[in-house]
Every structure is written in structure tokens, then in C-alpha cells.
């Protein structure tokens, strides 16, 4: 299913929000279309892949990660988030994501839902965006190898972004909570649940070098930096 670039993006997003989660995929499609149109006007590459997960009562209950071919990426925690968190993934990671999408024909007409009856694991949607519009496929649980691999990659990227944003918040409003969060980062790193963990190094370095934080927090931040750097070697 493909959508053209809409002209009334803001109005459509507001309406979809009023109608609830059922229409949040429409909202993100409208937002992607509006962003693609703006990028075209600036002469930028508009091709991207977006992963959306909606899981009510989880934390967060909505995530959307958009990745371009050069690695530029954006992270949203609401379908109408007009100020997403911008970051960069390694170009080889972006290339792998686009390669797997190509194997699924950019999600056009893809039936990714497993025939097995499983509990609700959250609605996942993969969206391919280009200058012509976008194509997408949604599923609760899939057994398609490429879709499984993409989901795992995006889940790991999301976990990294959550840690970054949580550390950023704790540094400003709850410094006593930093040590607990660093412990969780270490657990996720050890269990390979993070995507591009080197993105955390700048914020970890701020903790390591700031004497206003507890020494135990500074020490754990330093240890994490060393672990991340050793994994990258």
C-alpha cells in the first residue's frame, strides 16, 4: 500500500491523534510524507526505512525509528512528535537494513504475520519511503527471517536511545538515579541488547568527567566507556 505526499500534514496528524492509537500509523505516514516533501524541496535524499512499534501499557508504548541510507536517523516516542531525537547509525548498519528491506521488495504486498497464535507482542510496522510515496507491512509476530532480523536491529537501536534519553534526564533532574541506570546499561551491553552502543560514549564521558556526580557513577561510566570501546575494536 502506497501513499502520496500529503499537503495537510498537520491537520491529518491532529485528527489521527484525536481518534486514538488505531490511526497512529496513518499519522506517522503523513509525517513521513511531509518530511519527504520538505527534503525534496531542499534537494536531499528522501529514501528511508522506518520501524514503528505500538505496545499499549508498555514503556514506552510507542516508538518510531527512521533511518536514511547514509545513517542519519530520528527517534520518536509519539506519532505526532515534530521534534524527534536525531542521531547517526554506522553506514554499514544502514546498508544492512536497506539490504534486508530489498529482499522483501521494500515491504510492498508483504504478508509478515505468522500463522501461529501468540500473545500480543505489540504491533510492528515497517515502512519504506521514497520520492514516490511509501509502502508498509504490519505484524504482531513474524517468522520471516528478514523481518525478524530487522525487528531485532530496531529494538536494539531503540534500547540504546532509551538509555541515552534516560541518562540525559537523570543528569538534570535525578542524579541519584544515575548509578541504577548505568547498571542497566551494563546489563544490556553484556547481553547484546544494544544497537550502536558507542552512541552512549559522549554522555557517559560527561558523567565520568563531572565531579558533581557521585564517584561510583563516574567510575561506572568510565568502565562502560572502556567496555564499549573494546567491543568496537
C-alpha atoms as a PDB file:
ATOM      1  CA  UNK A   1       0.000   0.000   0.000  1.00  0.00           C
ATOM      2  CA  UNK A   2       1.473   3.342  -1.031  1.00  0.00           C
ATOM      3  CA  UNK A   3       0.666   6.889  -0.010  1.00  0.00           C
ATOM      4  CA  UNK A   4       1.483  10.083  -1.911  1.00  0.00           C
ATOM      5  CA  UNK A   5       2.894  13.148  -0.186  1.00  0.00           C
ATOM      6  CA  UNK A   6       0.046  14.903   1.682  1.00  0.00           C
ATOM      7  CA  UNK A   7      -0.449  18.638   1.727  1.00  0.00           C
ATOM      8  CA  UNK A   8      -2.343  18.890   5.009  1.00  0.00           C
ATOM      9  CA  UNK A   9       0.108  17.035   7.231  1.00  0.00           C
ATOM     10  CA  UNK A  10      -0.544  18.898  10.466  1.00  0.00           C
ATOM     11  CA  UNK A  11      -4.310  18.624  10.160  1.00  0.00           C
ATOM     12  CA  UNK A  12      -4.164  14.881   9.456  1.00  0.00           C
ATOM     13  CA  UNK A  13      -1.867  14.282  12.412  1.00  0.00           C
ATOM     14  CA  UNK A  14      -4.160  16.165  14.785  1.00  0.00           C
ATOM     15  CA  UNK A  15      -7.174  14.204  13.573  1.00  0.00           C
ATOM     16  CA  UNK A  16      -5.397  10.850  13.908  1.00  0.00           C
ATOM     17  CA  UNK A  17      -4.365  11.698  17.464  1.00  0.00           C
ATOM     18  CA  UNK A  18      -7.934  12.513  18.400  1.00  0.00           C
ATOM     19  CA  UNK A  19      -9.108   9.163  17.010  1.00  0.00           C
ATOM     20  CA  UNK A  20      -6.585   7.217  19.097  1.00  0.00           C
ATOM     21  CA  UNK A  21      -3.903   4.600  18.557  1.00  0.00           C
ATOM     22  CA  UNK A  22      -5.813   2.883  15.779  1.00  0.00           C
ATOM     23  CA  UNK A  23      -4.773   5.604  13.362  1.00  0.00           C
ATOM     24  CA  UNK A  24      -1.250   6.332  14.585  1.00  0.00           C
ATOM     25  CA  UNK A  25       0.308   4.554  11.610  1.00  0.00           C
ATOM     26  CA  UNK A  26      -1.592   6.953   9.362  1.00  0.00           C
ATOM     27  CA  UNK A  27      -0.148   9.799  11.406  1.00  0.00           C
ATOM     28  CA  UNK A  28       3.421   8.629  11.024  1.00  0.00           C
ATOM     29  CA  UNK A  29       2.822   8.004   7.293  1.00  0.00           C
ATOM     30  CA  UNK A  30       1.532  11.546   6.938  1.00  0.00           C
ATOM     31  CA  UNK A  31       4.519  12.886   8.883  1.00  0.00           C
ATOM     32  CA  UNK A  32       6.963  10.872   6.771  1.00  0.00           C
ATOM     33  CA  UNK A  33       5.294  12.135   3.615  1.00  0.00           C
ATOM     34  CA  UNK A  34       5.522  15.721   4.793  1.00  0.00           C
ATOM     35  CA  UNK A  35       9.182  15.270   5.748  1.00  0.00           C
ATOM     36  CA  UNK A  36       9.928  13.662   2.382  1.00  0.00           C
ATOM     37  CA  UNK A  37       8.313  16.556   0.554  1.00  0.00           C
ATOM     38  CA  UNK A  38      10.353  19.055   2.585  1.00  0.00           C
ATOM     39  CA  UNK A  39      13.531  17.069   1.899  1.00  0.00           C
ATOM     40  CA  UNK A  40      12.801  17.038  -1.817  1.00  0.00           C
ATOM     41  CA  UNK A  41      12.439  20.802  -1.751  1.00  0.00           C
ATOM     42  CA  UNK A  42      15.923  21.004  -0.210  1.00  0.00           C
ATOM     43  CA  UNK A  43      17.302  18.532  -2.751  1.00  0.00           C
ATOM     44  CA  UNK A  44      18.029  15.876  -0.092  1.00  0.00           C
ATOM     45  CA  UNK A  45      17.796  12.101  -0.355  1.00  0.00           C
ATOM     46  CA  UNK A  46      14.274  11.184   0.801  1.00  0.00           C
ATOM     47  CA  UNK A  47      14.700   7.399   0.842  1.00  0.00           C
ATOM     48  CA  UNK A  48      14.298   5.966   4.337  1.00  0.00           C
ATOM     49  CA  UNK A  49      13.108   2.963   6.319  1.00  0.00           C
ATOM     50  CA  UNK A  50      11.010   3.417   9.431  1.00  0.00           C
ATOM     51  CA  UNK A  51      10.178   0.948  12.186  1.00  0.00           C
ATOM     52  CA  UNK A  52       7.108   1.689  14.303  1.00  0.00           C
ATOM     53  CA  UNK A  53       6.084  -0.267  17.397  1.00  0.00           C
ATOM     54  CA  UNK A  54       2.850   0.319  19.290  1.00  0.00           C
ATOM     55  CA  UNK A  55       2.503  -1.574  22.552  1.00  0.00           C
ATOM     56  CA  UNK A  56      -0.080  -0.057  24.943  1.00  0.00           C
ATOM     57  CA  UNK A  57       0.785  -0.242  28.653  1.00  0.00           C
ATOM     58  CA  UNK A  58       4.483  -0.803  27.945  1.00  0.00           C
ATOM     59  CA  UNK A  59       7.191   1.820  28.460  1.00  0.00           C
ATOM     60  CA  UNK A  60       7.431   3.473  26.055  1.00  0.00           C
ATOM     61  CA  UNK A  61       4.144   2.450  24.461  1.00  0.00           C
ATOM     62  CA  UNK A  62       5.129   3.914  21.087  1.00  0.00           C
ATOM     63  CA  UNK A  63       8.415   4.198  19.229  1.00  0.00           C
ATOM     64  CA  UNK A  64       9.321   5.127  15.663  1.00  0.00           C
ATOM     65  CA  UNK A  65      12.836   4.964  14.227  1.00  0.00           C
ATOM     66  CA  UNK A  66      13.534   6.401  10.779  1.00  0.00           C
ATOM     67  CA  UNK A  67      16.873   5.629   9.116  1.00  0.00           C
ATOM     68  CA  UNK A  68      18.246   7.045   5.863  1.00  0.00           C
ATOM     69  CA  UNK A  69      20.777   5.339   3.626  1.00  0.00           C
ATOM     70  CA  UNK A  70      23.674   7.461   4.896  1.00  0.00           C
ATOM     71  CA  UNK A  71      22.950   6.532   8.520  1.00  0.00           C
ATOM     72  CA  UNK A  72      21.113   9.693   9.576  1.00  0.00           C
ATOM     73  CA  UNK A  73      18.328   8.653  11.924  1.00  0.00           C
ATOM     74  CA  UNK A  74      15.463  10.010  14.026  1.00  0.00           C
ATOM     75  CA  UNK A  75      13.751   8.565  17.082  1.00  0.00           C
ATOM     76  CA  UNK A  76      10.184   9.403  18.121  1.00  0.00           C
ATOM     77  CA  UNK A  77       8.084   8.377  21.115  1.00  0.00           C
ATOM     78  CA  UNK A  78       4.811   9.813  19.792  1.00  0.00           C
ATOM     79  CA  UNK A  79       3.263   9.638  16.302  1.00  0.00           C
ATOM     80  CA  UNK A  80       2.994  13.423  16.093  1.00  0.00           C
ATOM     81  CA  UNK A  81       6.412  14.208  17.560  1.00  0.00           C
ATOM     82  CA  UNK A  82       7.669  17.103  15.455  1.00  0.00           C
ATOM     83  CA  UNK A  83      10.988  17.354  17.333  1.00  0.00           C
ATOM     84  CA  UNK A  84      12.462  13.837  17.189  1.00  0.00           C
ATOM     85  CA  UNK A  85      15.804  12.874  18.692  1.00  0.00           C
ATOM     86  CA  UNK A  86      18.380  12.893  15.886  1.00  0.00           C
ATOM     87  CA  UNK A  87      21.364  10.551  15.837  1.00  0.00           C
ATOM     88  CA  UNK A  88      23.542   8.591  13.400  1.00  0.00           C
ATOM     89  CA  UNK A  89      23.996   4.849  12.942  1.00  0.00           C
ATOM     90  CA  UNK A  90      27.051   3.359  11.199  1.00  0.00           C
ATOM     91  CA  UNK A  91      26.673   3.328   7.423  1.00  0.00           C
ATOM     92  CA  UNK A  92      27.196  -0.432   7.398  1.00  0.00           C
ATOM     93  CA  UNK A  93      24.213  -0.807   9.733  1.00  0.00           C
ATOM     94  CA  UNK A  94      22.066   1.338   7.455  1.00  0.00           C
ATOM     95  CA  UNK A  95      23.258  -0.661   4.436  1.00  0.00           C
ATOM     96  CA  UNK A  96      22.285  -3.932   6.146  1.00  0.00           C
ATOM     97  CA  UNK A  97      18.822  -2.575   6.945  1.00  0.00           C
ATOM     98  CA  UNK A  98      18.228  -1.466   3.367  1.00  0.00           C
ATOM     99  CA  UNK A  99      19.563  -4.780   2.041  1.00  0.00           C
ATOM    100  CA  UNK A 100      17.068  -6.767   4.097  1.00  0.00           C
ATOM    101  CA  UNK A 101      14.249  -4.447   3.028  1.00  0.00           C
ATOM    102  CA  UNK A 102      15.206  -5.028  -0.612  1.00  0.00           C
ATOM    103  CA  UNK A 103      14.892  -8.780  -0.077  1.00  0.00           C
ATOM    104  CA  UNK A 104      11.280  -8.136   0.982  1.00  0.00           C
ATOM    105  CA  UNK A 105      10.601  -5.891  -2.030  1.00  0.00           C
ATOM    106  CA  UNK A 106      10.547  -2.811   0.211  1.00  0.00           C
ATOM    107  CA  UNK A 107       7.536  -4.325   2.077  1.00  0.00           C
ATOM    108  CA  UNK A 108       5.179  -3.964  -0.903  1.00  0.00           C
ATOM    109  CA  UNK A 109       2.427  -6.552  -0.588  1.00  0.00           C
ATOM    110  CA  UNK A 110       4.359  -8.324   2.160  1.00  0.00           C
ATOM    111  CA  UNK A 111       2.430 -10.645   4.484  1.00  0.00           C
ATOM    112  CA  UNK A 112       4.694 -10.801   7.516  1.00  0.00           C
ATOM    113  CA  UNK A 113       2.247 -12.063  10.131  1.00  0.00           C
ATOM    114  CA  UNK A 114       2.930 -15.545  11.486  1.00  0.00           C
ATOM    115  CA  UNK A 115       0.129 -18.110  11.340  1.00  0.00           C
ATOM    116  CA  UNK A 116       0.918 -19.160  14.899  1.00  0.00           C
ATOM    117  CA  UNK A 117      -1.377 -17.958  17.648  1.00  0.00           C
ATOM    118  CA  UNK A 118       0.730 -15.953  20.073  1.00  0.00           C
ATOM    119  CA  UNK A 119       0.076 -13.359  22.735  1.00  0.00           C
ATOM    120  CA  UNK A 120       0.121  -9.684  21.830  1.00  0.00           C
ATOM    121  CA  UNK A 121       3.710  -8.589  21.389  1.00  0.00           C
ATOM    122  CA  UNK A 122       2.929  -5.104  20.130  1.00  0.00           C
ATOM    123  CA  UNK A 123       2.041  -4.032  16.618  1.00  0.00           C
ATOM    124  CA  UNK A 124       5.161  -3.566  14.494  1.00  0.00           C
ATOM    125  CA  UNK A 125       5.140  -1.733  11.173  1.00  0.00           C
ATOM    126  CA  UNK A 126       7.962  -1.476   8.634  1.00  0.00           C
ATOM    127  CA  UNK A 127       7.741   1.467   6.210  1.00  0.00           C
ATOM    128  CA  UNK A 128       9.815   2.132   3.111  1.00  0.00           C
ATOM    129  CA  UNK A 129       9.764   5.770   1.979  1.00  0.00           C
ATOM    130  CA  UNK A 130      10.949   7.181  -1.345  1.00  0.00           C
ATOM    131  CA  UNK A 131      10.115  10.130  -3.592  1.00  0.00           C
ATOM    132  CA  UNK A 132       7.007   8.314  -4.878  1.00  0.00           C
ATOM    133  CA  UNK A 133       5.412   7.670  -1.508  1.00  0.00           C
ATOM    134  CA  UNK A 134       5.729   4.735   0.873  1.00  0.00           C
ATOM    135  CA  UNK A 135       4.969   1.046   1.240  1.00  0.00           C
ATOM    136  CA  UNK A 136       4.460  -0.741   4.530  1.00  0.00           C
ATOM    137  CA  UNK A 137       3.664  -4.006   6.275  1.00  0.00           C
ATOM    138  CA  UNK A 138       2.466  -4.621   9.850  1.00  0.00           C
ATOM    139  CA  UNK A 139       2.597  -7.645  12.132  1.00  0.00           C
ATOM    140  CA  UNK A 140       2.335  -8.764  15.742  1.00  0.00           C
ATOM    141  CA  UNK A 141       4.630 -11.776  15.347  1.00  0.00           C
ATOM    142  CA  UNK A 142       6.577 -12.849  12.275  1.00  0.00           C
ATOM    143  CA  UNK A 143       8.675 -15.802  11.196  1.00  0.00           C
ATOM    144  CA  UNK A 144      10.049 -14.148   8.059  1.00  0.00           C
ATOM    145  CA  UNK A 145      13.841 -14.156   8.656  1.00  0.00           C
ATOM    146  CA  UNK A 146      14.489 -10.665   7.242  1.00  0.00           C
ATOM    147  CA  UNK A 147      11.590  -9.145   9.193  1.00  0.00           C
ATOM    148  CA  UNK A 148      12.788 -10.870  12.360  1.00  0.00           C
ATOM    149  CA  UNK A 149      16.310  -9.534  11.830  1.00  0.00           C
ATOM    150  CA  UNK A 150      15.062  -6.008  11.149  1.00  0.00           C
ATOM    151  CA  UNK A 151      12.861  -6.066  14.236  1.00  0.00           C
ATOM    152  CA  UNK A 152      15.773  -7.180  16.401  1.00  0.00           C
ATOM    153  CA  UNK A 153      18.040  -4.470  14.992  1.00  0.00           C
ATOM    154  CA  UNK A 154      15.474  -1.724  15.519  1.00  0.00           C
ATOM    155  CA  UNK A 155      14.630  -2.964  19.028  1.00  0.00           C
ATOM    156  CA  UNK A 156      18.316  -2.763  19.952  1.00  0.00           C
ATOM    157  CA  UNK A 157      18.616   0.726  18.476  1.00  0.00           C
ATOM    158  CA  UNK A 158      15.554   1.781  20.452  1.00  0.00           C
ATOM    159  CA  UNK A 159      17.027   0.403  23.673  1.00  0.00           C
ATOM    160  CA  UNK A 160      20.157   2.490  23.152  1.00  0.00           C
ATOM    161  CA  UNK A 161      18.092   5.624  22.548  1.00  0.00           C
ATOM    162  CA  UNK A 162      16.055   4.980  25.685  1.00  0.00           C
ATOM    163  CA  UNK A 163      19.208   4.752  27.792  1.00  0.00           C
ATOM    164  CA  UNK A 164      20.595   7.933  26.246  1.00  0.00           C
ATOM    165  CA  UNK A 165      17.403   9.892  26.901  1.00  0.00           C
ATOM    166  CA  UNK A 166      17.046   8.472  30.423  1.00  0.00           C
ATOM    167  CA  UNK A 167      20.627   9.366  31.346  1.00  0.00           C
ATOM    168  CA  UNK A 168      20.118  12.837  29.919  1.00  0.00           C
ATOM    169  CA  UNK A 169      17.013  13.238  32.092  1.00  0.00           C
ATOM    170  CA  UNK A 170      18.658  11.863  35.245  1.00  0.00           C
ATOM    171  CA  UNK A 171      21.666  14.160  34.860  1.00  0.00           C
ATOM    172  CA  UNK A 172      19.313  17.118  35.032  1.00  0.00           C
ATOM    173  CA  UNK A 173      16.638  16.024  37.483  1.00  0.00           C
ATOM    174  CA  UNK A 174      17.638  12.909  39.481  1.00  0.00           C
ATOM    175  CA  UNK A 175      21.371  12.450  39.858  1.00  0.00           C
ATOM    176  CA  UNK A 176      20.903   9.747  42.485  1.00  0.00           C
ATOM    177  CA  UNK A 177      19.256   7.565  39.850  1.00  0.00           C
ATOM    178  CA  UNK A 178      22.257   7.606  37.507  1.00  0.00           C
ATOM    179  CA  UNK A 179      24.032   4.621  39.087  1.00  0.00           C
ATOM    180  CA  UNK A 180      20.969   2.381  38.719  1.00  0.00           C
ATOM    181  CA  UNK A 181      20.591   3.372  35.072  1.00  0.00           C
ATOM    182  CA  UNK A 182      24.283   2.736  34.400  1.00  0.00           C
ATOM    183  CA  UNK A 183      23.887  -0.744  35.866  1.00  0.00           C
ATOM    184  CA  UNK A 184      21.024  -1.398  33.448  1.00  0.00           C
ATOM    185  CA  UNK A 185      23.122  -0.115  30.556  1.00  0.00           C
ATOM    186  CA  UNK A 186      25.882  -2.538  31.545  1.00  0.00           C
ATOM    187  CA  UNK A 187      23.427  -5.454  31.741  1.00  0.00           C
ATOM    188  CA  UNK A 188      22.033  -4.671  28.298  1.00  0.00           C
ATOM    189  CA  UNK A 189      25.535  -4.267  26.876  1.00  0.00           C
ATOM    190  CA  UNK A 190      26.673  -7.608  28.309  1.00  0.00           C
ATOM    191  CA  UNK A 191      23.576  -9.361  26.936  1.00  0.00           C
ATOM    192  CA  UNK A 192      23.904  -7.773  23.471  1.00  0.00           C
ATOM    193  CA  UNK A 193      20.654  -5.836  23.724  1.00  0.00           C
ATOM    194  CA  UNK A 194      22.039  -2.518  22.464  1.00  0.00           C
ATOM    195  CA  UNK A 195      22.376  -1.269  18.915  1.00  0.00           C
ATOM    196  CA  UNK A 196      25.301   1.075  18.217  1.00  0.00           C
ATOM    197  CA  UNK A 197      26.239   1.435  21.933  1.00  0.00           C
ATOM    198  CA  UNK A 198      29.128   3.759  21.007  1.00  0.00           C
ATOM    199  CA  UNK A 199      26.482   6.456  20.699  1.00  0.00           C
ATOM    200  CA  UNK A 200      26.359   6.449  24.510  1.00  0.00           C
ATOM    201  CA  UNK A 201      30.039   7.343  24.900  1.00  0.00           C
ATOM    202  CA  UNK A 202      29.615  11.168  24.791  1.00  0.00           C
ATOM    203  CA  UNK A 203      27.000  11.195  27.552  1.00  0.00           C
ATOM    204  CA  UNK A 204      28.945   8.628  29.588  1.00  0.00           C
ATOM    205  CA  UNK A 205      32.008  10.827  29.272  1.00  0.00           C
ATOM    206  CA  UNK A 206      30.040  13.768  30.659  1.00  0.00           C
ATOM    207  CA  UNK A 207      29.231  11.687  33.720  1.00  0.00           C
ATOM    208  CA  UNK A 208      32.799  10.412  34.027  1.00  0.00           C
ATOM    209  CA  UNK A 209      34.342  13.887  33.964  1.00  0.00           C
ATOM    210  CA  UNK A 210      31.765  15.770  36.059  1.00  0.00           C
ATOM    211  CA  UNK A 211      32.881  15.887  39.709  1.00  0.00           C
ATOM    212  CA  UNK A 212      29.393  16.926  40.811  1.00  0.00           C
ATOM    213  CA  UNK A 213      28.262  13.326  40.241  1.00  0.00           C
ATOM    214  CA  UNK A 214      28.949  10.566  42.761  1.00  0.00           C
ATOM    215  CA  UNK A 215      32.312   8.851  42.396  1.00  0.00           C
ATOM    216  CA  UNK A 216      30.606   5.490  41.939  1.00  0.00           C
ATOM    217  CA  UNK A 217      28.671   6.912  38.976  1.00  0.00           C
ATOM    218  CA  UNK A 218      31.849   8.373  37.491  1.00  0.00           C
ATOM    219  CA  UNK A 219      33.640   5.052  37.925  1.00  0.00           C
ATOM    220  CA  UNK A 220      30.859   3.018  36.302  1.00  0.00           C
ATOM    221  CA  UNK A 221      30.656   5.458  33.407  1.00  0.00           C
ATOM    222  CA  UNK A 222      34.401   5.073  32.845  1.00  0.00           C
ATOM    223  CA  UNK A 223      34.122   1.271  32.921  1.00  0.00           C
ATOM    224  CA  UNK A 224      31.266   1.344  30.430  1.00  0.00           C
ATOM    225  CA  UNK A 225      33.246   3.504  28.027  1.00  0.00           C
ATOM    226  CA  UNK A 226      36.093   1.003  28.135  1.00  0.00           C
ATOM    227  CA  UNK A 227      33.715  -1.926  27.543  1.00  0.00           C
ATOM    228  CA  UNK A 228      32.007  -0.245  24.617  1.00  0.00           C
ATOM    229  CA  UNK A 229      35.334   0.729  23.041  1.00  0.00           C
ATOM    230  CA  UNK A 230      36.682  -2.802  23.458  1.00  0.00           C
ATOM    231  CA  UNK A 231      33.607  -4.230  21.694  1.00  0.00           C
ATOM    232  CA  UNK A 232      34.122  -1.837  18.790  1.00  0.00           C
ATOM    233  CA  UNK A 233      37.711  -2.991  18.246  1.00  0.00           C
END
